[in-house]
């Protein structure tokens, strides 16, 4: 149940730590930039997929509606930090 509520934050945390590991061990070459792009696109796609699926699901009870709304808010809020953290690596020369 907690994973549902914190889905957006978990995706963002996974993205953050993956980019941190790339920055620490892979350097700033083209392979690292491609890895950052691939990880960022994967995390964005996962967040958007969960958001679309949660919007299609019909809530069964009041708590389900609240839980779904909380999850959707977290997913929407996680999109901007994922993009923000990827931009420096993707825009670097």
C-alpha atoms as a PDB file:
ATOM      1  CA  UNK A   1       0.000   0.000   0.000  1.00  0.00           C
ATOM      2  CA  UNK A   2       2.819   2.398   0.749  1.00  0.00           C
ATOM      3  CA  UNK A   3       4.379   1.753  -2.629  1.00  0.00           C
ATOM      4  CA  UNK A   4       1.153   2.891  -4.277  1.00  0.00           C
ATOM      5  CA  UNK A   5       1.048   6.092  -2.252  1.00  0.00           C
ATOM      6  CA  UNK A   6       4.713   6.863  -2.812  1.00  0.00           C
ATOM      7  CA  UNK A   7       5.042   5.679  -6.425  1.00  0.00           C
ATOM      8  CA  UNK A   8       6.094   9.058  -7.795  1.00  0.00           C
ATOM      9  CA  UNK A   9       8.626   9.669  -5.056  1.00  0.00           C
ATOM     10  CA  UNK A  10      10.048   6.163  -5.434  1.00  0.00           C
ATOM     11  CA  UNK A  11      10.518   6.650  -9.179  1.00  0.00           C
ATOM     12  CA  UNK A  12      12.183   9.998  -8.574  1.00  0.00           C
ATOM     13  CA  UNK A  13      14.473   8.516  -5.901  1.00  0.00           C
ATOM     14  CA  UNK A  14      15.452   5.653  -8.217  1.00  0.00           C
ATOM     15  CA  UNK A  15      16.230   8.176 -10.953  1.00  0.00           C
ATOM     16  CA  UNK A  16      18.246  10.372  -8.583  1.00  0.00           C
ATOM     17  CA  UNK A  17      20.428   7.537  -7.314  1.00  0.00           C
ATOM     18  CA  UNK A  18      20.923   6.068 -10.791  1.00  0.00           C
ATOM     19  CA  UNK A  19      22.126   9.435 -12.108  1.00  0.00           C
ATOM     20  CA  UNK A  20      24.339   9.866  -9.065  1.00  0.00           C
ATOM     21  CA  UNK A  21      25.970   6.487  -9.708  1.00  0.00           C
ATOM     22  CA  UNK A  22      26.519   7.373 -13.358  1.00  0.00           C
ATOM     23  CA  UNK A  23      28.102  10.705 -12.387  1.00  0.00           C
ATOM     24  CA  UNK A  24      30.396   9.003  -9.877  1.00  0.00           C
ATOM     25  CA  UNK A  25      31.569   6.065 -11.934  1.00  0.00           C
ATOM     26  CA  UNK A  26      30.987   6.732 -15.629  1.00  0.00           C
ATOM     27  CA  UNK A  27      32.272  10.277 -15.959  1.00  0.00           C
ATOM     28  CA  UNK A  28      30.963  12.663 -18.566  1.00  0.00           C
ATOM     29  CA  UNK A  29      31.485  10.844 -21.848  1.00  0.00           C
ATOM     30  CA  UNK A  30      28.930  10.095 -24.511  1.00  0.00           C
ATOM     31  CA  UNK A  31      28.104   6.714 -22.973  1.00  0.00           C
ATOM     32  CA  UNK A  32      27.249   8.369 -19.655  1.00  0.00           C
ATOM     33  CA  UNK A  33      25.069  10.937 -21.392  1.00  0.00           C
ATOM     34  CA  UNK A  34      23.252   8.200 -23.287  1.00  0.00           C
ATOM     35  CA  UNK A  35      22.734   6.272 -20.059  1.00  0.00           C
ATOM     36  CA  UNK A  36      21.320   9.391 -18.385  1.00  0.00           C
ATOM     37  CA  UNK A  37      18.960   9.894 -21.309  1.00  0.00           C
ATOM     38  CA  UNK A  38      17.827   6.280 -21.290  1.00  0.00           C
ATOM     39  CA  UNK A  39      17.280   6.167 -17.528  1.00  0.00           C
ATOM     40  CA  UNK A  40      15.438   9.493 -17.594  1.00  0.00           C
ATOM     41  CA  UNK A  41      13.154   8.396 -20.429  1.00  0.00           C
ATOM     42  CA  UNK A  42      12.456   5.109 -18.669  1.00  0.00           C
ATOM     43  CA  UNK A  43      11.556   6.842 -15.414  1.00  0.00           C
ATOM     44  CA  UNK A  44       9.396   9.413 -17.196  1.00  0.00           C
ATOM     45  CA  UNK A  45       7.610   6.688 -19.148  1.00  0.00           C
ATOM     46  CA  UNK A  46       7.026   4.690 -15.962  1.00  0.00           C
ATOM     47  CA  UNK A  47       5.575   7.690 -14.134  1.00  0.00           C
ATOM     48  CA  UNK A  48       3.343   8.617 -17.067  1.00  0.00           C
ATOM     49  CA  UNK A  49       2.189   5.015 -17.498  1.00  0.00           C
ATOM     50  CA  UNK A  50       1.235   4.775 -13.816  1.00  0.00           C
ATOM     51  CA  UNK A  51      -0.525   8.130 -14.037  1.00  0.00           C
ATOM     52  CA  UNK A  52      -2.578   7.075 -17.065  1.00  0.00           C
ATOM     53  CA  UNK A  53      -3.457   3.713 -15.512  1.00  0.00           C
ATOM     54  CA  UNK A  54      -4.506   5.301 -12.246  1.00  0.00           C
ATOM     55  CA  UNK A  55      -6.739   7.794 -14.047  1.00  0.00           C
ATOM     56  CA  UNK A  56      -8.516   4.972 -15.892  1.00  0.00           C
ATOM     57  CA  UNK A  57      -9.158   2.887 -12.772  1.00  0.00           C
ATOM     58  CA  UNK A  58     -12.484   3.475 -11.080  1.00  0.00           C
ATOM     59  CA  UNK A  59     -12.230   3.966  -7.303  1.00  0.00           C
ATOM     60  CA  UNK A  60     -14.167   1.404  -5.318  1.00  0.00           C
ATOM     61  CA  UNK A  61     -14.334   3.240  -2.002  1.00  0.00           C
ATOM     62  CA  UNK A  62     -13.610   6.672  -0.581  1.00  0.00           C
ATOM     63  CA  UNK A  63     -10.172   5.608   0.641  1.00  0.00           C
ATOM     64  CA  UNK A  64      -9.323   4.286  -2.833  1.00  0.00           C
ATOM     65  CA  UNK A  65     -10.207   7.674  -4.290  1.00  0.00           C
ATOM     66  CA  UNK A  66      -7.984   9.466  -1.764  1.00  0.00           C
ATOM     67  CA  UNK A  67      -5.122   7.021  -2.305  1.00  0.00           C
ATOM     68  CA  UNK A  68      -5.380   7.396  -6.067  1.00  0.00           C
ATOM     69  CA  UNK A  69      -5.408  11.197  -5.810  1.00  0.00           C
ATOM     70  CA  UNK A  70      -2.373  11.141  -3.527  1.00  0.00           C
ATOM     71  CA  UNK A  71      -0.498   8.850  -5.918  1.00  0.00           C
ATOM     72  CA  UNK A  72      -1.372  11.000  -8.928  1.00  0.00           C
ATOM     73  CA  UNK A  73      -0.137  14.127  -7.173  1.00  0.00           C
ATOM     74  CA  UNK A  74       3.157  12.440  -6.359  1.00  0.00           C
ATOM     75  CA  UNK A  75       3.534  11.199  -9.918  1.00  0.00           C
ATOM     76  CA  UNK A  76       2.867  14.629 -11.382  1.00  0.00           C
ATOM     77  CA  UNK A  77       5.288  16.263  -8.955  1.00  0.00           C
ATOM     78  CA  UNK A  78       7.987  13.693  -9.763  1.00  0.00           C
ATOM     79  CA  UNK A  79       8.039  14.548 -13.468  1.00  0.00           C
ATOM     80  CA  UNK A  80       9.715  17.940 -13.103  1.00  0.00           C
ATOM     81  CA  UNK A  81      12.657  16.846 -10.902  1.00  0.00           C
ATOM     82  CA  UNK A  82      13.334  13.927 -13.224  1.00  0.00           C
ATOM     83  CA  UNK A  83      13.558  16.324 -16.171  1.00  0.00           C
ATOM     84  CA  UNK A  84      15.514  18.892 -14.166  1.00  0.00           C
ATOM     85  CA  UNK A  85      18.148  16.389 -13.066  1.00  0.00           C
ATOM     86  CA  UNK A  86      18.625  15.054 -16.586  1.00  0.00           C
ATOM     87  CA  UNK A  87      19.017  18.410 -18.316  1.00  0.00           C
ATOM     88  CA  UNK A  88      22.630  19.195 -17.351  1.00  0.00           C
ATOM     89  CA  UNK A  89      23.895  15.875 -18.708  1.00  0.00           C
ATOM     90  CA  UNK A  90      21.767  16.055 -21.839  1.00  0.00           C
ATOM     91  CA  UNK A  91      22.624  19.684 -22.651  1.00  0.00           C
ATOM     92  CA  UNK A  92      26.363  19.469 -21.903  1.00  0.00           C
ATOM     93  CA  UNK A  93      28.787  19.659 -24.786  1.00  0.00           C
END
